[in-house]
Each structure stands twice: as C-alpha cells, then as structure tokens.
PDB file of N, CA and C in Angstrom:
ATOM      1  N   MET A   1       0.883  -1.309   0.330  1.00  0.00           N
ATOM      2  CA  MET A   1      -0.277   0.014   0.217  1.00  0.00           C
ATOM      3  C   MET A   1       1.087   1.410   0.123  1.00  0.00           C
ATOM      4  N   ASN A   2       0.806   2.109  -0.852  1.00  0.00           N
ATOM      5  CA  ASN A   2       1.257   3.379  -1.026  1.00  0.00           C
ATOM      6  C   ASN A   2       0.853   4.648   0.366  1.00  0.00           C
ATOM      7  N   ASN A   3       1.896   4.931   0.561  1.00  0.00           N
ATOM      8  CA  ASN A   3       1.646   6.066   1.995  1.00  0.00           C
ATOM      9  C   ASN A   3       1.683   7.075   1.377  1.00  0.00           C
ATOM     10  N   PRO A   4       0.929   7.862   1.336  1.00  0.00           N
ATOM     11  CA  PRO A   4       1.600   9.372   0.948  1.00  0.00           C
ATOM     12  C   PRO A   4       1.632  10.272   1.912  1.00  0.00           C
ATOM     13  N   SER A   5       2.349   9.975   2.812  1.00  0.00           N
ATOM     14  CA  SER A   5       3.163  10.795   3.622  1.00  0.00           C
ATOM     15  C   SER A   5       4.804  10.410   3.007  1.00  0.00           C
ATOM     16  N   ASN A   6       4.822   8.989   2.240  1.00  0.00           N
ATOM     17  CA  ASN A   6       5.919   9.018   1.511  1.00  0.00           C
ATOM     18  C   ASN A   6       6.205   9.851   0.399  1.00  0.00           C
ATOM     19  N   ASN A   7       5.151  10.806  -0.463  1.00  0.00           N
ATOM     20  CA  ASN A   7       5.023  11.435  -1.608  1.00  0.00           C
ATOM     21  C   ASN A   7       5.307  12.886  -1.036  1.00  0.00           C
ATOM     22  N   VAL A   8       5.199  13.093   0.274  1.00  0.00           N
ATOM     23  CA  VAL A   8       5.497  14.630   0.506  1.00  0.00           C
ATOM     24  C   VAL A   8       6.802  15.153   0.248  1.00  0.00           C
ATOM     25  N   VAL A   9       6.758  16.390  -0.566  1.00  0.00           N
ATOM     26  CA  VAL A   9       8.211  16.801  -1.011  1.00  0.00           C
ATOM     27  C   VAL A   9       8.425  17.715   0.051  1.00  0.00           C
ATOM     28  N   PRO A  10       9.241  18.044   1.051  1.00  0.00           N
ATOM     29  CA  PRO A  10       9.553  19.446   1.595  1.00  0.00           C
ATOM     30  C   PRO A  10       9.955  20.476   0.909  1.00  0.00           C
ATOM     31  N   LEU A  11       8.586  21.744   1.369  1.00  0.00           N
ATOM     32  CA  LEU A  11       8.898  23.104   0.825  1.00  0.00           C
ATOM     33  C   LEU A  11      10.533  23.710   1.181  1.00  0.00           C
ATOM     34  N   ARG A  12      10.524  24.481   0.032  1.00  0.00           N
ATOM     35  CA  ARG A  12      12.462  25.208   0.700  1.00  0.00           C
ATOM     36  C   ARG A  12      11.319  26.699   0.914  1.00  0.00           C
ATOM     37  N   LYS A  13      12.326  27.302   1.609  1.00  0.00           N
ATOM     38  CA  LYS A  13      11.934  28.265   2.865  1.00  0.00           C
ATOM     39  C   LYS A  13      11.877  29.508   1.918  1.00  0.00           C
ATOM     40  N   ALA A  14      10.662  30.327   1.719  1.00  0.00           N
ATOM     41  CA  ALA A  14      10.498  31.159   0.732  1.00  0.00           C
ATOM     42  C   ALA A  14      11.149  32.474   1.527  1.00  0.00           C
ATOM     43  N   LYS A  15      11.903  33.458   0.998  1.00  0.00           N
ATOM     44  CA  LYS A  15      12.488  34.727   1.649  1.00  0.00           C
ATOM     45  C   LYS A  15      11.277  35.442   1.881  1.00  0.00           C
ATOM     46  N   PRO A  16      11.160  35.880   2.745  1.00  0.00           N
ATOM     47  CA  PRO A  16       9.638  36.629   3.533  1.00  0.00           C
ATOM     48  C   PRO A  16       9.247  37.687   2.937  1.00  0.00           C
ATOM     49  N   ALA A  17       8.654  38.503   1.700  1.00  0.00           N
ATOM     50  CA  ALA A  17       7.884  39.200   1.531  1.00  0.00           C
ATOM     51  C   ALA A  17       8.623  40.610   2.368  1.00  0.00           C
ATOM     52  N   ASN A  18       8.554  42.071   1.365  1.00  0.00           N
ATOM     53  CA  ASN A  18       8.803  42.814   2.354  1.00  0.00           C
ATOM     54  C   ASN A  18       7.237  43.210   2.649  1.00  0.00           C
ATOM     55  N   PRO A  19       7.010  43.106   4.115  1.00  0.00           N
ATOM     56  CA  PRO A  19       5.805  43.361   4.320  1.00  0.00           C
ATOM     57  C   PRO A  19       5.168  44.761   4.625  1.00  0.00           C
ATOM     58  N   ASN A  20       6.235  45.825   4.555  1.00  0.00           N
ATOM     59  CA  ASN A  20       5.671  46.962   3.852  1.00  0.00           C
ATOM     60  C   ASN A  20       5.246  47.372   2.466  1.00  0.00           C
ATOM     61  N   LEU A  21       6.243  46.822   1.986  1.00  0.00           N
ATOM     62  CA  LEU A  21       5.914  46.748   0.506  1.00  0.00           C
ATOM     63  C   LEU A  21       4.219  45.960   0.322  1.00  0.00           C
ATOM     64  N   LYS A  22       4.066  44.764   0.894  1.00  0.00           N
ATOM     65  CA  LYS A  22       2.955  44.599   0.611  1.00  0.00           C
ATOM     66  C   LYS A  22       1.680  45.379   1.601  1.00  0.00           C
ATOM     67  N   VAL A  23       2.080  45.987   2.148  1.00  0.00           N
ATOM     68  CA  VAL A  23       0.734  46.963   2.334  1.00  0.00           C
ATOM     69  C   VAL A  23       0.772  48.049   1.364  1.00  0.00           C
ATOM     70  N   ALA A  24       1.764  48.847   1.074  1.00  0.00           N
ATOM     71  CA  ALA A  24       1.453  49.525  -0.040  1.00  0.00           C
ATOM     72  C   ALA A  24       0.846  49.109  -1.353  1.00  0.00           C
ATOM     73  N   LEU A  25       1.400  47.764  -2.019  1.00  0.00           N
ATOM     74  CA  LEU A  25       0.300  47.134  -2.419  1.00  0.00           C
ATOM     75  C   LEU A  25      -0.647  47.213  -2.231  1.00  0.00           C
ATOM     76  N   GLU A  26      -1.505  46.406  -1.160  1.00  0.00           N
ATOM     77  CA  GLU A  26      -2.989  46.158  -1.056  1.00  0.00           C
ATOM     78  C   GLU A  26      -3.360  47.315  -0.486  1.00  0.00           C
ATOM     79  N   PHE A  27      -2.803  48.802  -0.148  1.00  0.00           N
ATOM     80  CA  PHE A  27      -3.302  50.073  -0.418  1.00  0.00           C
ATOM     81  C   PHE A  27      -4.313  50.275  -1.558  1.00  0.00           C
ATOM     82  N   ALA A  28      -2.642  50.431  -3.149  1.00  0.00           N
ATOM     83  CA  ALA A  28      -2.743  50.644  -3.663  1.00  0.00           C
ATOM     84  C   ALA A  28      -3.664  49.820  -4.595  1.00  0.00           C
ATOM     85  N   ALA A  29      -3.759  48.485  -4.399  1.00  0.00           N
ATOM     86  CA  ALA A  29      -5.024  47.805  -4.964  1.00  0.00           C
ATOM     87  C   ALA A  29      -6.534  48.355  -5.005  1.00  0.00           C
ATOM     88  N   CYS A  30      -6.831  48.926  -3.770  1.00  0.00           N
ATOM     89  CA  CYS A  30      -7.939  49.333  -3.565  1.00  0.00           C
ATOM     90  C   CYS A  30      -7.923  50.734  -3.981  1.00  0.00           C
ATOM     91  N   GLY A  31      -7.344  51.357  -5.122  1.00  0.00           N
ATOM     92  CA  GLY A  31      -7.638  52.770  -5.056  1.00  0.00           C
ATOM     93  C   GLY A  31      -6.758  53.446  -4.126  1.00  0.00           C
ATOM     94  N   ILE A  32      -6.295  53.106  -3.191  1.00  0.00           N
ATOM     95  CA  ILE A  32      -4.975  54.612  -2.397  1.00  0.00           C
ATOM     96  C   ILE A  32      -4.140  54.630  -3.171  1.00  0.00           C
ATOM     97  N   PRO A  33      -3.859  56.263  -3.161  1.00  0.00           N
ATOM     98  CA  PRO A  33      -2.618  56.452  -3.637  1.00  0.00           C
ATOM     99  C   PRO A  33      -1.512  55.880  -2.441  1.00  0.00           C
ATOM    100  N   VAL A  34      -0.307  55.856  -2.797  1.00  0.00           N
ATOM    101  CA  VAL A  34       0.855  55.575  -1.811  1.00  0.00           C
ATOM    102  C   VAL A  34       2.157  56.077  -2.221  1.00  0.00           C
ATOM    103  N   PHE A  35       2.728  56.382  -1.164  1.00  0.00           N
ATOM    104  CA  PHE A  35       4.671  56.759  -1.281  1.00  0.00           C
ATOM    105  C   PHE A  35       4.803  56.192  -0.165  1.00  0.00           C
ATOM    106  N   PRO A  36       6.290  56.201  -0.480  1.00  0.00           N
ATOM    107  CA  PRO A  36       7.336  55.706   0.712  1.00  0.00           C
ATOM    108  C   PRO A  36       7.822  57.255   1.312  1.00  0.00           C
ATOM    109  N   CYS A  37       7.967  56.532   2.840  1.00  0.00           N
ATOM    110  CA  CYS A  37       8.092  57.328   3.695  1.00  0.00           C
ATOM    111  C   CYS A  37       9.534  56.835   4.501  1.00  0.00           C
ATOM    112  N   ASP A  38      10.446  57.562   5.469  1.00  0.00           N
ATOM    113  CA  ASP A  38      11.444  57.591   6.002  1.00  0.00           C
ATOM    114  C   ASP A  38      11.080  56.880   7.446  1.00  0.00           C
ATOM    115  N   PRO A  39      11.630  55.438   7.663  1.00  0.00           N
ATOM    116  CA  PRO A  39      10.720  55.026   8.743  1.00  0.00           C
ATOM    117  C   PRO A  39      11.279  55.763  10.051  1.00  0.00           C
ATOM    118  N   ALA A  40      12.123  56.474  10.349  1.00  0.00           N
ATOM    119  CA  ALA A  40      12.852  57.245  11.014  1.00  0.00           C
ATOM    120  C   ALA A  40      12.331  58.315  11.719  1.00  0.00           C
ATOM    121  N   ASP A  41      11.815  59.313  10.454  1.00  0.00           N
ATOM    122  CA  ASP A  41      11.207  60.613  10.501  1.00  0.00           C
ATOM    123  C   ASP A  41      10.264  60.810   9.640  1.00  0.00           C
ATOM    124  N   LYS A  42       9.544  59.772   8.934  1.00  0.00           N
ATOM    125  CA  LYS A  42       7.932  59.775   8.271  1.00  0.00           C
ATOM    126  C   LYS A  42       8.174  60.981   7.197  1.00  0.00           C
ATOM    127  N   ALA A  43       9.739  61.462   6.556  1.00  0.00           N
ATOM    128  CA  ALA A  43       9.925  62.295   5.850  1.00  0.00           C
ATOM    129  C   ALA A  43       9.136  61.050   4.100  1.00  0.00           C
ATOM    130  N   PRO A  44       9.020  62.105   3.448  1.00  0.00           N
ATOM    131  CA  PRO A  44       8.675  61.704   1.723  1.00  0.00           C
ATOM    132  C   PRO A  44       9.624  61.294   1.721  1.00  0.00           C
ATOM    133  N   ARG A  45       9.859  59.809   1.018  1.00  0.00           N
ATOM    134  CA  ARG A  45      11.030  59.609   0.178  1.00  0.00           C
ATOM    135  C   ARG A  45      11.052  60.039  -1.498  1.00  0.00           C
ATOM    136  N   THR A  46      10.101  60.763  -2.177  1.00  0.00           N
ATOM    137  CA  THR A  46       9.741  60.875  -3.372  1.00  0.00           C
ATOM    138  C   THR A  46      10.140  62.088  -3.784  1.00  0.00           C
ATOM    139  N   GLN A  47      11.001  62.553  -5.027  1.00  0.00           N
ATOM    140  CA  GLN A  47      11.186  63.389  -5.559  1.00  0.00           C
ATOM    141  C   GLN A  47      10.038  64.397  -5.919  1.00  0.00           C
ATOM    142  N   GLY A  48      10.022  65.681  -5.762  1.00  0.00           N
ATOM    143  CA  GLY A  48       9.113  66.531  -5.804  1.00  0.00           C
ATOM    144  C   GLY A  48       7.842  66.304  -4.486  1.00  0.00           C
ATOM    145  N   ASP A  49       6.807  66.742  -5.053  1.00  0.00           N
ATOM    146  CA  ASP A  49       5.739  67.070  -4.198  1.00  0.00           C
ATOM    147  C   ASP A  49       5.423  65.735  -4.024  1.00  0.00           C
ATOM    148  N   TRP A  50       5.558  64.904  -2.860  1.00  0.00           N
ATOM    149  CA  TRP A  50       4.609  63.833  -2.584  1.00  0.00           C
ATOM    150  C   TRP A  50       2.878  63.732  -3.198  1.00  0.00           C
ATOM    151  N   ARG A  51       2.205  64.657  -2.945  1.00  0.00           N
ATOM    152  CA  ARG A  51       0.767  64.772  -3.285  1.00  0.00           C
ATOM    153  C   ARG A  51       1.077  64.380  -4.677  1.00  0.00           C
ATOM    154  N   VAL A  52       1.398  64.963  -5.666  1.00  0.00           N
ATOM    155  CA  VAL A  52       1.742  64.238  -7.196  1.00  0.00           C
ATOM    156  C   VAL A  52       2.539  62.883  -7.136  1.00  0.00           C
ATOM    157  N   ALA A  53       3.587  62.681  -6.584  1.00  0.00           N
ATOM    158  CA  ALA A  53       4.066  61.402  -6.955  1.00  0.00           C
ATOM    159  C   ALA A  53       3.598  60.223  -6.190  1.00  0.00           C
ATOM    160  N   ALA A  54       1.994  60.357  -5.380  1.00  0.00           N
ATOM    161  CA  ALA A  54       1.278  59.473  -4.330  1.00  0.00           C
ATOM    162  C   ALA A  54       1.183  58.573  -6.030  1.00  0.00           C
ATOM    163  N   SER A  55       1.203  57.584  -5.188  1.00  0.00           N
ATOM    164  CA  SER A  55       0.927  56.298  -6.869  1.00  0.00           C
ATOM    165  C   SER A  55      -0.200  55.065  -6.198  1.00  0.00           C
ATOM    166  N   VAL A  56      -0.849  54.487  -7.535  1.00  0.00           N
ATOM    167  CA  VAL A  56      -1.684  53.264  -7.201  1.00  0.00           C
ATOM    168  C   VAL A  56      -0.716  52.189  -8.206  1.00  0.00           C
ATOM    169  N   ASP A  57      -0.228  52.929  -9.164  1.00  0.00           N
ATOM    170  CA  ASP A  57       1.076  52.003  -9.967  1.00  0.00           C
ATOM    171  C   ASP A  57       2.037  50.607  -9.746  1.00  0.00           C
ATOM    172  N   GLU A  58       1.951  49.232  -9.977  1.00  0.00           N
ATOM    173  CA  GLU A  58       2.066  48.986  -8.737  1.00  0.00           C
ATOM    174  C   GLU A  58       3.403  48.466  -9.457  1.00  0.00           C
ATOM    175  N   THR A  59       4.573  49.223 -10.773  1.00  0.00           N
ATOM    176  CA  THR A  59       5.005  49.110 -10.970  1.00  0.00           C
ATOM    177  C   THR A  59       6.356  50.088 -10.183  1.00  0.00           C
ATOM    178  N   GLN A  60       5.350  51.163 -10.109  1.00  0.00           N
ATOM    179  CA  GLN A  60       6.185  52.643  -9.383  1.00  0.00           C
ATOM    180  C   GLN A  60       6.252  52.176  -7.987  1.00  0.00           C
ATOM    181  N   ILE A  61       5.680  51.750  -7.906  1.00  0.00           N
ATOM    182  CA  ILE A  61       5.821  50.776  -5.904  1.00  0.00           C
ATOM    183  C   ILE A  61       6.627  50.301  -5.358  1.00  0.00           C
ATOM    184  N   LYS A  62       6.683  49.476  -6.449  1.00  0.00           N
ATOM    185  CA  LYS A  62       7.817  48.191  -6.346  1.00  0.00           C
ATOM    186  C   LYS A  62       9.143  48.908  -6.991  1.00  0.00           C
ATOM    187  N   LYS A  63       9.149  50.054  -7.588  1.00  0.00           N
ATOM    188  CA  LYS A  63      10.660  50.481  -7.888  1.00  0.00           C
ATOM    189  C   LYS A  63      11.448  51.140  -6.403  1.00  0.00           C
ATOM    190  N   TRP A  64       9.913  52.264  -6.070  1.00  0.00           N
ATOM    191  CA  TRP A  64      10.454  52.658  -4.922  1.00  0.00           C
ATOM    192  C   TRP A  64      10.879  51.729  -3.692  1.00  0.00           C
ATOM    193  N   TRP A  65      10.282  50.869  -3.470  1.00  0.00           N
ATOM    194  CA  TRP A  65      10.818  49.761  -2.487  1.00  0.00           C
ATOM    195  C   TRP A  65      12.069  48.770  -2.609  1.00  0.00           C
ATOM    196  N   LYS A  66      12.241  48.685  -4.104  1.00  0.00           N
ATOM    197  CA  LYS A  66      13.504  48.146  -4.553  1.00  0.00           C
ATOM    198  C   LYS A  66      14.456  48.988  -4.158  1.00  0.00           C
ATOM    199  N   ARG A  67      14.180  50.467  -4.448  1.00  0.00           N
ATOM    200  CA  ARG A  67      15.680  51.784  -3.949  1.00  0.00           C
ATOM    201  C   ARG A  67      15.433  51.580  -2.493  1.00  0.00           C
ATOM    202  N   GLN A  68      14.458  51.692  -1.870  1.00  0.00           N
ATOM    203  CA  GLN A  68      14.780  51.662  -0.505  1.00  0.00           C
ATOM    204  C   GLN A  68      13.541  50.852   0.336  1.00  0.00           C
ATOM    205  N   PRO A  69      14.158  49.883   0.779  1.00  0.00           N
ATOM    206  CA  PRO A  69      13.486  48.551   0.684  1.00  0.00           C
ATOM    207  C   PRO A  69      13.074  48.790   2.679  1.00  0.00           C
ATOM    208  N   ASP A  70      13.667  49.958   3.076  1.00  0.00           N
ATOM    209  CA  ASP A  70      13.177  49.849   4.934  1.00  0.00           C
ATOM    210  C   ASP A  70      12.109  50.966   4.755  1.00  0.00           C
ATOM    211  N   SER A  71      11.905  51.573   3.278  1.00  0.00           N
ATOM    212  CA  SER A  71      10.170  52.276   3.246  1.00  0.00           C
ATOM    213  C   SER A  71       9.277  51.872   4.472  1.00  0.00           C
ATOM    214  N   ILE A  72       8.307  53.018   4.872  1.00  0.00           N
ATOM    215  CA  ILE A  72       7.070  52.210   5.538  1.00  0.00           C
ATOM    216  C   ILE A  72       5.508  53.440   4.027  1.00  0.00           C
ATOM    217  N   PRO A  73       5.001  52.616   4.202  1.00  0.00           N
ATOM    218  CA  PRO A  73       4.008  53.322   3.147  1.00  0.00           C
ATOM    219  C   PRO A  73       3.116  54.232   3.742  1.00  0.00           C
ATOM    220  N   ALA A  74       2.526  55.387   3.361  1.00  0.00           N
ATOM    221  CA  ALA A  74       2.345  56.121   3.330  1.00  0.00           C
ATOM    222  C   ALA A  74       0.982  56.934   2.455  1.00  0.00           C
ATOM    223  N   PHE A  75       0.041  57.091   3.326  1.00  0.00           N
ATOM    224  CA  PHE A  75      -1.018  58.093   2.023  1.00  0.00           C
ATOM    225  C   PHE A  75      -1.572  59.217   2.748  1.00  0.00           C
ATOM    226  N   SER A  76      -2.031  59.918   2.288  1.00  0.00           N
ATOM    227  CA  SER A  76      -2.902  61.334   2.289  1.00  0.00           C
ATOM    228  C   SER A  76      -4.156  60.788   2.203  1.00  0.00           C
ATOM    229  N   PRO A  77      -5.174  60.185   3.688  1.00  0.00           N
ATOM    230  CA  PRO A  77      -6.172  60.431   3.754  1.00  0.00           C
ATOM    231  C   PRO A  77      -7.247  61.549   3.298  1.00  0.00           C
ATOM    232  N   GLY A  78      -6.684  62.789   3.309  1.00  0.00           N
ATOM    233  CA  GLY A  78      -8.201  63.605   2.289  1.00  0.00           C
ATOM    234  C   GLY A  78      -7.937  63.158   0.865  1.00  0.00           C
ATOM    235  N   MET A  79      -6.942  62.674   0.452  1.00  0.00           N
ATOM    236  CA  MET A  79      -6.938  62.315  -1.039  1.00  0.00           C
ATOM    237  C   MET A  79      -8.022  61.514  -1.400  1.00  0.00           C
ATOM    238  N   VAL A  80      -8.284  60.568  -0.560  1.00  0.00           N
ATOM    239  CA  VAL A  80      -9.597  59.528  -0.614  1.00  0.00           C
ATOM    240  C   VAL A  80      -9.998  59.323   0.276  1.00  0.00           C
ATOM    241  N   GLY A  81     -10.885  60.321   0.593  1.00  0.00           N
ATOM    242  CA  GLY A  81     -11.852  61.013   1.714  1.00  0.00           C
ATOM    243  C   GLY A  81     -12.040  60.848   2.858  1.00  0.00           C
ATOM    244  N   LEU A  82     -11.217  60.555   3.609  1.00  0.00           N
ATOM    245  CA  LEU A  82     -10.606  60.012   5.027  1.00  0.00           C
ATOM    246  C   LEU A  82     -10.476  60.927   6.031  1.00  0.00           C
ATOM    247  N   LEU A  83     -10.765  61.216   7.072  1.00  0.00           N
ATOM    248  CA  LEU A  83     -10.279  62.227   8.164  1.00  0.00           C
ATOM    249  C   LEU A  83      -9.821  61.482   9.419  1.00  0.00           C
ATOM    250  N   VAL A  84      -8.572  61.943   9.421  1.00  0.00           N
ATOM    251  CA  VAL A  84      -7.980  61.060  11.050  1.00  0.00           C
ATOM    252  C   VAL A  84      -7.961  62.472  11.868  1.00  0.00           C
ATOM    253  N   ILE A  85      -8.067  62.095  13.330  1.00  0.00           N
ATOM    254  CA  ILE A  85      -7.994  63.153  14.369  1.00  0.00           C
ATOM    255  C   ILE A  85      -6.791  62.537  15.309  1.00  0.00           C
ATOM    256  N   ASP A  86      -6.144  63.346  15.301  1.00  0.00           N
ATOM    257  CA  ASP A  86      -4.549  62.502  16.360  1.00  0.00           C
ATOM    258  C   ASP A  86      -4.985  62.597  17.531  1.00  0.00           C
TER     259      ASP A  86
END
C-alpha cells in the first residue's frame, strides 16, 4: 500500500516578502495612492511633491521599495476622503 506521507516533498523556505511593500500594494489595489516614507522621521522619500508622486501603479511602488526597502507606506487621508483625528 502506498503511504501518502512518503510522497511529501519538503518545501523550500521562501524569503519573506517585505511587509511594508505588501501593505503599500494592498492600499494601491484598493485605489489608495501611496508613497514611501523614511521610517525614522516619516519624511516622504519621493522626488518633488509627494501628493503628485503618490501612486497606485504597482510597477512604480515596487521600484520605490526596491531602491529603499526599509520605507514605510504612507498615503494622504484627504486624497481618499478620510479624516484622521490624532
């Protein structure tokens, strides 16, 4: 009799995906324009006006995180009709 456990192939451990890139792409998939920020001071890491640079384009977002993988995702709540009270 064939034992199914003998047919199990061990999976290679995949390199974990960048969680901040994943969040940025999830926001973008929902139509929320994102931009990368410095994790230390939360300053935008885009050239020029971050409001203009914010994007839902997956290719652009991946380029940003490839250049600076430690970036945190940010978005402008007002651009998507949200209000934040801090």
